[in-house]
């Protein structure tokens, strides 16, 4: 969303790191990252994600969690994934790339 620093920075990471997960903006720095609900914010001009009692750099978070989330979604019903990201409402999906691996389609 233009004008939202967190959203713009997240979109940049998604594009640079070629993330192939559905990522939905829930609002207020909250996102669905695959099947995981996350909270992101800008700290010291860096995008970070709340993890446990602290924060992790977004690039490190993506490297750490993207593959496990991809595998979780691969085994989920596509309708359940849709429910996670829409919550019964018309929420904008930040990244609309198909859920694929580097080796091909997951479906």
N, C-alpha and C. Protein backbone atom coordinates (compact mmCIF):
# COMPACT_ATOMS: atom_id res chain seq x y z
N UNK A 1 0.85 -1.17 0.00
CA UNK A 1 0.00 0.00 0.00
C UNK A 1 0.90 1.23 0.00
N UNK A 2 0.72 2.08 -1.01
CA UNK A 2 1.54 3.27 -1.11
C UNK A 2 1.36 4.13 0.13
N UNK A 3 2.48 4.66 0.62
CA UNK A 3 2.45 5.51 1.79
C UNK A 3 2.63 4.76 3.09
N UNK A 4 2.54 3.43 3.06
CA UNK A 4 2.76 2.60 4.25
C UNK A 4 4.19 2.07 4.17
N UNK A 5 5.07 2.62 5.00
CA UNK A 5 6.49 2.29 4.94
C UNK A 5 6.74 0.79 5.11
N UNK A 6 6.06 0.16 6.05
CA UNK A 6 6.23 -1.28 6.29
C UNK A 6 5.82 -2.06 5.05
N UNK A 7 4.66 -1.73 4.50
CA UNK A 7 4.15 -2.44 3.32
C UNK A 7 5.08 -2.27 2.12
N UNK A 8 5.57 -1.07 1.91
CA UNK A 8 6.47 -0.82 0.79
C UNK A 8 7.79 -1.57 0.96
N UNK A 9 8.32 -1.59 2.19
CA UNK A 9 9.57 -2.31 2.44
C UNK A 9 9.37 -3.82 2.29
N UNK A 10 8.24 -4.32 2.78
CA UNK A 10 7.96 -5.75 2.65
C UNK A 10 7.85 -6.14 1.18
N UNK A 11 7.16 -5.34 0.39
CA UNK A 11 7.04 -5.62 -1.04
C UNK A 11 8.41 -5.67 -1.69
N UNK A 12 9.30 -4.80 -1.28
CA UNK A 12 10.66 -4.79 -1.82
C UNK A 12 11.39 -6.09 -1.49
N UNK A 13 11.29 -6.55 -0.25
CA UNK A 13 11.92 -7.82 0.14
C UNK A 13 11.34 -8.98 -0.65
N UNK A 14 10.02 -9.00 -0.78
CA UNK A 14 9.34 -10.08 -1.49
C UNK A 14 9.86 -10.17 -2.93
N UNK A 15 9.96 -9.02 -3.57
CA UNK A 15 10.42 -8.99 -4.97
C UNK A 15 11.90 -9.34 -5.09
N UNK A 16 12.75 -8.80 -4.22
CA UNK A 16 14.19 -9.05 -4.29
C UNK A 16 14.52 -10.50 -3.98
N UNK A 17 13.81 -11.09 -3.02
CA UNK A 17 14.14 -12.44 -2.56
C UNK A 17 13.30 -13.51 -3.26
N UNK A 18 12.47 -13.10 -4.22
CA UNK A 18 11.67 -14.03 -5.01
C UNK A 18 10.84 -14.97 -4.13
N UNK A 19 10.13 -14.39 -3.17
CA UNK A 19 9.29 -15.15 -2.25
C UNK A 19 8.08 -15.67 -3.03
N UNK A 20 7.81 -16.96 -2.90
CA UNK A 20 6.70 -17.57 -3.65
C UNK A 20 5.61 -18.08 -2.70
N UNK A 21 5.32 -17.30 -1.67
CA UNK A 21 4.27 -17.62 -0.72
C UNK A 21 3.18 -16.56 -0.81
N UNK A 22 1.95 -16.93 -0.49
CA UNK A 22 0.94 -15.89 -0.38
C UNK A 22 1.21 -15.09 0.89
N UNK A 23 1.22 -13.77 0.75
CA UNK A 23 1.43 -12.87 1.88
C UNK A 23 0.33 -11.83 1.83
N UNK A 24 -0.46 -11.77 2.89
CA UNK A 24 -1.60 -10.85 2.93
C UNK A 24 -1.40 -9.80 4.01
N UNK A 25 -1.78 -8.60 3.68
CA UNK A 25 -1.75 -7.50 4.65
C UNK A 25 -3.04 -7.54 5.45
N UNK A 26 -2.89 -7.64 6.78
CA UNK A 26 -4.05 -7.63 7.66
C UNK A 26 -4.30 -6.23 8.22
N UNK A 27 -3.25 -5.42 8.28
CA UNK A 27 -3.35 -4.06 8.79
C UNK A 27 -2.52 -3.88 10.05
N UNK A 28 -2.11 -2.65 10.30
CA UNK A 28 -1.36 -2.34 11.52
C UNK A 28 -0.06 -3.09 11.66
N UNK A 29 0.61 -3.37 10.54
CA UNK A 29 1.87 -4.10 10.58
C UNK A 29 1.70 -5.60 10.66
N UNK A 30 0.47 -6.08 10.68
CA UNK A 30 0.24 -7.52 10.75
C UNK A 30 -0.01 -8.08 9.35
N UNK A 31 0.57 -9.26 9.12
CA UNK A 31 0.49 -9.94 7.83
C UNK A 31 0.32 -11.43 8.06
N UNK A 32 -0.27 -12.09 7.07
CA UNK A 32 -0.21 -13.55 7.01
C UNK A 32 0.95 -13.87 6.08
N UNK A 33 1.91 -14.62 6.56
CA UNK A 33 3.07 -15.05 5.80
C UNK A 33 2.92 -16.55 5.64
N UNK A 34 2.34 -16.97 4.51
CA UNK A 34 2.00 -18.38 4.37
C UNK A 34 0.88 -18.69 5.33
N UNK A 35 1.13 -19.58 6.31
CA UNK A 35 0.13 -19.91 7.32
C UNK A 35 0.43 -19.24 8.66
N UNK A 36 1.47 -18.41 8.68
CA UNK A 36 1.95 -17.80 9.92
C UNK A 36 1.55 -16.32 9.98
N UNK A 37 0.94 -15.92 11.09
CA UNK A 37 0.61 -14.52 11.30
C UNK A 37 1.84 -13.83 11.89
N UNK A 38 2.26 -12.73 11.26
CA UNK A 38 3.45 -12.03 11.73
C UNK A 38 3.15 -10.55 11.98
N UNK A 39 4.02 -9.93 12.77
CA UNK A 39 3.96 -8.49 13.01
C UNK A 39 5.29 -7.91 12.55
N UNK A 40 5.23 -6.95 11.63
CA UNK A 40 6.44 -6.33 11.09
C UNK A 40 6.42 -4.83 11.39
N UNK A 41 7.60 -4.28 11.58
CA UNK A 41 7.72 -2.84 11.78
C UNK A 41 9.11 -2.40 11.36
N UNK A 42 9.26 -1.09 11.22
CA UNK A 42 10.55 -0.52 10.86
C UNK A 42 11.24 -0.09 12.16
N UNK A 43 12.46 -0.60 12.34
CA UNK A 43 13.28 -0.25 13.50
C UNK A 43 14.66 0.13 12.99
N UNK A 44 15.12 1.31 13.34
CA UNK A 44 16.44 1.76 12.89
C UNK A 44 16.58 1.66 11.38
N UNK A 45 15.54 2.05 10.66
CA UNK A 45 15.50 2.06 9.19
C UNK A 45 15.58 0.67 8.57
N UNK A 46 15.31 -0.38 9.35
CA UNK A 46 15.30 -1.76 8.85
C UNK A 46 13.94 -2.37 9.14
N UNK A 47 13.48 -3.24 8.23
CA UNK A 47 12.24 -3.95 8.44
C UNK A 47 12.53 -5.19 9.29
N UNK A 48 11.80 -5.31 10.39
CA UNK A 48 11.99 -6.43 11.30
C UNK A 48 10.65 -7.09 11.57
N UNK A 49 10.73 -8.35 12.03
CA UNK A 49 9.54 -9.15 12.34
C UNK A 49 9.64 -9.59 13.80
N UNK A 50 8.52 -9.53 14.49
CA UNK A 50 8.46 -9.98 15.88
C UNK A 50 8.62 -11.49 15.91
N UNK A 51 9.59 -11.97 16.67
CA UNK A 51 9.83 -13.41 16.82
C UNK A 51 10.14 -13.65 18.30
N UNK A 52 9.28 -14.43 18.94
CA UNK A 52 9.48 -14.68 20.37
C UNK A 52 9.45 -13.38 21.15
N UNK A 53 10.47 -13.12 21.94
CA UNK A 53 10.54 -11.91 22.74
C UNK A 53 11.31 -10.79 22.09
N UNK A 54 11.71 -10.97 20.84
CA UNK A 54 12.51 -9.94 20.18
C UNK A 54 12.11 -9.76 18.73
N UNK A 55 13.05 -9.25 17.95
CA UNK A 55 12.81 -8.98 16.53
C UNK A 55 13.91 -9.60 15.68
N UNK A 56 13.53 -9.99 14.47
CA UNK A 56 14.46 -10.58 13.50
C UNK A 56 14.39 -9.76 12.22
N UNK A 57 15.52 -9.53 11.59
CA UNK A 57 15.57 -8.84 10.31
C UNK A 57 14.72 -9.60 9.29
N UNK A 58 13.98 -8.87 8.47
CA UNK A 58 13.05 -9.49 7.51
C UNK A 58 13.76 -10.47 6.58
N UNK A 59 14.93 -10.11 6.09
CA UNK A 59 15.65 -11.02 5.18
C UNK A 59 15.98 -12.33 5.89
N UNK A 60 16.43 -12.25 7.12
CA UNK A 60 16.74 -13.45 7.90
C UNK A 60 15.48 -14.27 8.17
N UNK A 61 14.37 -13.57 8.45
CA UNK A 61 13.09 -14.24 8.68
C UNK A 61 12.67 -15.03 7.45
N UNK A 62 12.77 -14.40 6.29
CA UNK A 62 12.38 -15.07 5.04
C UNK A 62 13.25 -16.30 4.81
N UNK A 63 14.55 -16.16 4.98
CA UNK A 63 15.46 -17.30 4.79
C UNK A 63 15.13 -18.42 5.77
N UNK A 64 14.80 -18.06 7.01
CA UNK A 64 14.54 -19.05 8.06
C UNK A 64 13.19 -19.75 7.89
N UNK A 65 12.14 -19.00 7.51
CA UNK A 65 10.79 -19.55 7.56
C UNK A 65 10.10 -19.81 6.21
N UNK A 66 10.56 -19.25 5.13
CA UNK A 66 9.83 -19.37 3.86
C UNK A 66 9.69 -20.82 3.39
N UNK A 67 10.74 -21.59 3.47
CA UNK A 67 10.67 -22.97 2.98
C UNK A 67 9.73 -23.82 3.83
N UNK A 68 9.79 -23.68 5.15
CA UNK A 68 8.90 -24.47 6.00
C UNK A 68 7.44 -24.06 5.78
N UNK A 69 7.20 -22.78 5.56
CA UNK A 69 5.83 -22.33 5.27
C UNK A 69 5.37 -22.85 3.91
N UNK A 70 6.26 -22.87 2.94
CA UNK A 70 5.92 -23.41 1.63
C UNK A 70 5.50 -24.87 1.75
N UNK A 71 6.24 -25.63 2.53
CA UNK A 71 5.92 -27.05 2.72
C UNK A 71 4.60 -27.24 3.46
N UNK A 72 4.33 -26.40 4.47
CA UNK A 72 3.05 -26.47 5.19
C UNK A 72 1.89 -26.22 4.23
N UNK A 73 2.01 -25.18 3.42
CA UNK A 73 0.93 -24.84 2.50
C UNK A 73 0.73 -25.91 1.44
N UNK A 74 1.80 -26.56 1.06
CA UNK A 74 1.72 -27.62 0.06
C UNK A 74 0.78 -28.73 0.53
N UNK A 75 0.71 -28.95 1.84
CA UNK A 75 -0.11 -30.02 2.39
C UNK A 75 -1.47 -29.54 2.88
N UNK A 76 -1.75 -28.26 2.73
CA UNK A 76 -3.04 -27.72 3.17
C UNK A 76 -4.04 -27.69 2.02
N UNK A 77 -5.29 -27.73 2.37
CA UNK A 77 -6.37 -27.57 1.40
C UNK A 77 -6.31 -26.14 0.87
N UNK A 78 -6.32 -25.94 -0.45
CA UNK A 78 -6.27 -24.59 -1.01
C UNK A 78 -7.35 -23.65 -0.47
N UNK A 79 -8.52 -24.20 -0.15
CA UNK A 79 -9.59 -23.37 0.41
C UNK A 79 -9.23 -22.87 1.80
N UNK A 80 -8.52 -23.69 2.57
CA UNK A 80 -8.08 -23.28 3.90
C UNK A 80 -7.05 -22.16 3.79
N UNK A 81 -6.15 -22.27 2.84
CA UNK A 81 -5.16 -21.21 2.60
C UNK A 81 -5.89 -19.91 2.25
N UNK A 82 -6.89 -20.02 1.39
CA UNK A 82 -7.68 -18.85 1.00
C UNK A 82 -8.37 -18.22 2.22
N UNK A 83 -8.90 -19.06 3.10
CA UNK A 83 -9.56 -18.55 4.31
C UNK A 83 -8.56 -17.84 5.22
N UNK A 84 -7.38 -18.39 5.35
CA UNK A 84 -6.34 -17.76 6.17
C UNK A 84 -6.02 -16.35 5.67
N UNK A 85 -5.98 -16.22 4.36
CA UNK A 85 -5.56 -14.94 3.79
C UNK A 85 -6.68 -13.96 3.56
N UNK A 86 -7.90 -14.42 3.55
CA UNK A 86 -9.02 -13.51 3.36
C UNK A 86 -9.84 -13.33 4.62
N UNK A 87 -9.77 -14.26 5.53
CA UNK A 87 -10.51 -14.14 6.77
C UNK A 87 -11.99 -13.85 6.58
N UNK A 88 -12.53 -14.31 5.46
CA UNK A 88 -13.93 -14.06 5.17
C UNK A 88 -14.19 -12.67 4.63
N UNK A 89 -13.13 -11.89 4.48
CA UNK A 89 -13.28 -10.52 3.98
C UNK A 89 -12.43 -10.34 2.74
N UNK A 90 -12.66 -9.27 2.05
CA UNK A 90 -11.90 -8.98 0.83
C UNK A 90 -10.65 -8.21 1.19
N UNK A 91 -9.60 -8.92 1.62
CA UNK A 91 -8.34 -8.28 1.98
C UNK A 91 -7.36 -8.44 0.83
N UNK A 92 -6.57 -7.42 0.63
CA UNK A 92 -5.63 -7.41 -0.48
C UNK A 92 -4.46 -8.36 -0.21
N UNK A 93 -4.15 -9.19 -1.16
CA UNK A 93 -2.97 -10.04 -1.05
C UNK A 93 -1.80 -9.26 -1.61
N UNK A 94 -0.75 -9.13 -0.79
CA UNK A 94 0.41 -8.34 -1.16
C UNK A 94 1.14 -8.98 -2.33
N UNK A 95 1.36 -10.28 -2.24
CA UNK A 95 2.12 -10.98 -3.27
C UNK A 95 1.19 -11.99 -3.93
N UNK A 96 1.08 -11.92 -5.23
CA UNK A 96 0.12 -12.78 -5.91
C UNK A 96 0.80 -13.85 -6.77
N UNK A 97 2.07 -14.09 -6.55
CA UNK A 97 2.74 -15.14 -7.31
C UNK A 97 2.12 -16.49 -6.96
N UNK A 98 2.05 -17.40 -7.92
CA UNK A 98 1.50 -18.73 -7.61
C UNK A 98 2.40 -19.46 -6.63
N UNK A 99 1.82 -20.35 -5.85
CA UNK A 99 2.56 -21.13 -4.89
C UNK A 99 3.33 -22.21 -5.61
N UNK A 100 4.57 -21.91 -5.95
CA UNK A 100 5.42 -22.85 -6.66
C UNK A 100 6.78 -22.92 -6.01
N UNK A 101 7.47 -23.98 -6.27
CA UNK A 101 8.86 -24.09 -5.83
C UNK A 101 9.72 -23.79 -7.05
N UNK A 102 11.01 -23.73 -6.84
CA UNK A 102 11.93 -23.52 -7.95
C UNK A 102 11.87 -24.69 -8.93
N UNK A 103 11.39 -25.84 -8.44
CA UNK A 103 11.35 -27.04 -9.28
C UNK A 103 10.02 -27.23 -9.98
N UNK A 104 9.02 -26.41 -9.69
CA UNK A 104 7.74 -26.55 -10.38
C UNK A 104 6.57 -26.33 -9.46
N UNK A 105 5.41 -26.59 -9.97
CA UNK A 105 4.16 -26.33 -9.25
C UNK A 105 4.02 -27.24 -8.05
N UNK A 106 3.39 -26.71 -7.00
CA UNK A 106 3.15 -27.48 -5.80
C UNK A 106 1.80 -28.18 -5.82
N UNK A 107 0.98 -27.86 -6.81
CA UNK A 107 -0.35 -28.45 -6.85
C UNK A 107 -0.39 -29.67 -7.72
